Amino acid sequence: MSDQVNKFLGDSLGRTLVKLLVVSLIVGFIMAVFGLAPLDFVYGIRNFILEVWHRGFSALGRVGDYLLLGATIVIPIFVVIRLFSYRR
């Protein structure tokens, strides 16, 4: 069990927690310097989705068309590949 946790985390649990704490402290400091709050990101994403919804997907232009067209092929292939590699 411990090997699986270490493999998932990429390092031991203690070292991973210390790394996450240090990076969180640095990112928090940078966000405070720029006056950003975590909810700003949440509201920004929410407002973007609502704006796209209200304007229709034409707001994304051709990029949205290409994205949806490509996703109809890529996502099923990705799922099938993951299912086959999961059995190993």
C-alpha atoms as a PDB file:
ATOM      1  CA  MET A   1       0.000   0.000   0.000  1.00  0.00           C
ATOM      2  CA  SER A   2       2.803   2.404   0.888  1.00  0.00           C
ATOM      3  CA  ASP A   3       4.536   1.780  -2.454  1.00  0.00           C
ATOM      4  CA  GLN A   4       1.337   2.587  -4.311  1.00  0.00           C
ATOM      5  CA  VAL A   5       0.915   5.845  -2.390  1.00  0.00           C
ATOM      6  CA  ASN A   6       4.543   6.810  -3.036  1.00  0.00           C
ATOM      7  CA  LYS A   7       4.163   5.944  -6.715  1.00  0.00           C
ATOM      8  CA  PHE A   8       1.003   8.063  -6.945  1.00  0.00           C
ATOM      9  CA  LEU A   9       2.542  11.032  -5.135  1.00  0.00           C
ATOM     10  CA  GLY A  10       5.929  10.745  -6.843  1.00  0.00           C
ATOM     11  CA  ASP A  11       7.767  10.841  -3.523  1.00  0.00           C
ATOM     12  CA  SER A  12       7.199   9.982   0.123  1.00  0.00           C
ATOM     13  CA  LEU A  13       4.134  11.416   1.831  1.00  0.00           C
ATOM     14  CA  GLY A  14       6.122  13.719   4.114  1.00  0.00           C
ATOM     15  CA  ARG A  15       8.292  15.175   1.368  1.00  0.00           C
ATOM     16  CA  THR A  16       5.264  15.681  -0.869  1.00  0.00           C
ATOM     17  CA  LEU A  17       3.425  17.547   1.912  1.00  0.00           C
ATOM     18  CA  VAL A  18       6.436  19.804   2.534  1.00  0.00           C
ATOM     19  CA  LYS A  19       6.738  20.570  -1.194  1.00  0.00           C
ATOM     20  CA  LEU A  20       3.028  21.365  -1.410  1.00  0.00           C
ATOM     21  CA  LEU A  21       3.229  23.641   1.635  1.00  0.00           C
ATOM     22  CA  VAL A  22       6.194  25.577   0.230  1.00  0.00           C
ATOM     23  CA  VAL A  23       4.630  25.988  -3.216  1.00  0.00           C
ATOM     24  CA  SER A  24       1.302  26.983  -1.648  1.00  0.00           C
ATOM     25  CA  LEU A  25       3.037  29.625   0.456  1.00  0.00           C
ATOM     26  CA  ILE A  26       4.845  31.065  -2.581  1.00  0.00           C
ATOM     27  CA  VAL A  27       1.722  31.089  -4.762  1.00  0.00           C
ATOM     28  CA  GLY A  28      -0.329  32.606  -1.925  1.00  0.00           C
ATOM     29  CA  PHE A  29       2.230  35.371  -1.481  1.00  0.00           C
ATOM     30  CA  ILE A  30       2.279  36.159  -5.205  1.00  0.00           C
ATOM     31  CA  MET A  31      -1.527  36.197  -5.339  1.00  0.00           C
ATOM     32  CA  ALA A  32      -1.643  38.560  -2.338  1.00  0.00           C
ATOM     33  CA  VAL A  33       0.865  40.904  -4.005  1.00  0.00           C
ATOM     34  CA  PHE A  34      -1.338  41.130  -7.102  1.00  0.00           C
ATOM     35  CA  GLY A  35      -4.522  41.408  -5.034  1.00  0.00           C
ATOM     36  CA  LEU A  36      -6.026  38.175  -6.308  1.00  0.00           C
ATOM     37  CA  ALA A  37      -8.353  35.936  -4.346  1.00  0.00           C
ATOM     38  CA  PRO A  38      -9.207  32.298  -5.115  1.00  0.00           C
ATOM     39  CA  LEU A  39     -12.850  33.217  -5.636  1.00  0.00           C
ATOM     40  CA  ASP A  40     -11.781  35.635  -8.390  1.00  0.00           C
ATOM     41  CA  PHE A  41     -10.789  32.622 -10.475  1.00  0.00           C
ATOM     42  CA  VAL A  42     -13.985  30.758  -9.660  1.00  0.00           C
ATOM     43  CA  TYR A  43     -16.140  33.762 -10.544  1.00  0.00           C
ATOM     44  CA  GLY A  44     -14.096  34.377 -13.677  1.00  0.00           C
ATOM     45  CA  ILE A  45     -14.666  30.832 -14.931  1.00  0.00           C
ATOM     46  CA  ARG A  46     -18.335  31.012 -13.951  1.00  0.00           C
ATOM     47  CA  ASN A  47     -18.813  34.328 -15.745  1.00  0.00           C
ATOM     48  CA  PHE A  48     -17.025  33.020 -18.842  1.00  0.00           C
ATOM     49  CA  ILE A  49     -19.287  29.966 -19.010  1.00  0.00           C
ATOM     50  CA  LEU A  50     -22.392  32.084 -18.485  1.00  0.00           C
ATOM     51  CA  GLU A  51     -21.276  34.573 -21.142  1.00  0.00           C
ATOM     52  CA  VAL A  52     -20.669  31.804 -23.662  1.00  0.00           C
ATOM     53  CA  TRP A  53     -24.027  30.276 -22.773  1.00  0.00           C
ATOM     54  CA  HIS A  54     -25.909  33.549 -23.163  1.00  0.00           C
ATOM     55  CA  ARG A  55     -24.215  34.524 -26.411  1.00  0.00           C
ATOM     56  CA  GLY A  56     -24.280  31.038 -27.804  1.00  0.00           C
ATOM     57  CA  PHE A  57     -21.322  29.049 -28.923  1.00  0.00           C
ATOM     58  CA  SER A  58     -20.745  31.463 -31.784  1.00  0.00           C
ATOM     59  CA  ALA A  59     -18.849  33.551 -29.224  1.00  0.00           C
ATOM     60  CA  LEU A  60     -16.053  31.019 -29.434  1.00  0.00           C
ATOM     61  CA  GLY A  61     -15.966  31.385 -33.195  1.00  0.00           C
ATOM     62  CA  ARG A  62     -14.254  28.842 -35.349  1.00  0.00           C
ATOM     63  CA  VAL A  63     -12.054  27.672 -32.471  1.00  0.00           C
ATOM     64  CA  GLY A  64     -15.080  26.282 -30.670  1.00  0.00           C
ATOM     65  CA  ASP A  65     -16.220  24.509 -33.832  1.00  0.00           C
ATOM     66  CA  TYR A  66     -12.811  22.924 -34.289  1.00  0.00           C
ATOM     67  CA  LEU A  67     -12.669  21.993 -30.613  1.00  0.00           C
ATOM     68  CA  LEU A  68     -16.035  20.238 -30.658  1.00  0.00           C
ATOM     69  CA  LEU A  69     -15.276  18.532 -33.958  1.00  0.00           C
ATOM     70  CA  GLY A  70     -11.931  17.241 -32.736  1.00  0.00           C
ATOM     71  CA  ALA A  71     -13.327  16.188 -29.365  1.00  0.00           C
ATOM     72  CA  THR A  72     -15.850  13.897 -31.037  1.00  0.00           C
ATOM     73  CA  ILE A  73     -12.920  11.852 -32.320  1.00  0.00           C
ATOM     74  CA  VAL A  74     -10.233  12.338 -29.679  1.00  0.00           C
ATOM     75  CA  ILE A  75     -12.215  11.685 -26.503  1.00  0.00           C
ATOM     76  CA  PRO A  76     -13.618   8.258 -27.501  1.00  0.00           C
ATOM     77  CA  ILE A  77     -10.177   7.147 -28.702  1.00  0.00           C
ATOM     78  CA  PHE A  78      -8.635   8.364 -25.446  1.00  0.00           C
ATOM     79  CA  VAL A  79     -11.202   6.441 -23.387  1.00  0.00           C
ATOM     80  CA  VAL A  80     -10.626   3.239 -25.373  1.00  0.00           C
ATOM     81  CA  ILE A  81      -6.834   3.522 -25.035  1.00  0.00           C
ATOM     82  CA  ARG A  82      -7.125   4.126 -21.289  1.00  0.00           C
ATOM     83  CA  LEU A  83      -9.428   1.121 -20.893  1.00  0.00           C
ATOM     84  CA  PHE A  84      -7.014  -1.160 -22.729  1.00  0.00           C
ATOM     85  CA  SER A  85      -3.967   0.110 -20.816  1.00  0.00           C
ATOM     86  CA  TYR A  86      -5.812  -0.177 -17.479  1.00  0.00           C
ATOM     87  CA  ARG A  87      -6.049  -3.965 -17.836  1.00  0.00           C
ATOM     88  CA  ARG A  88      -2.259  -4.367 -17.864  1.00  0.00           C
END
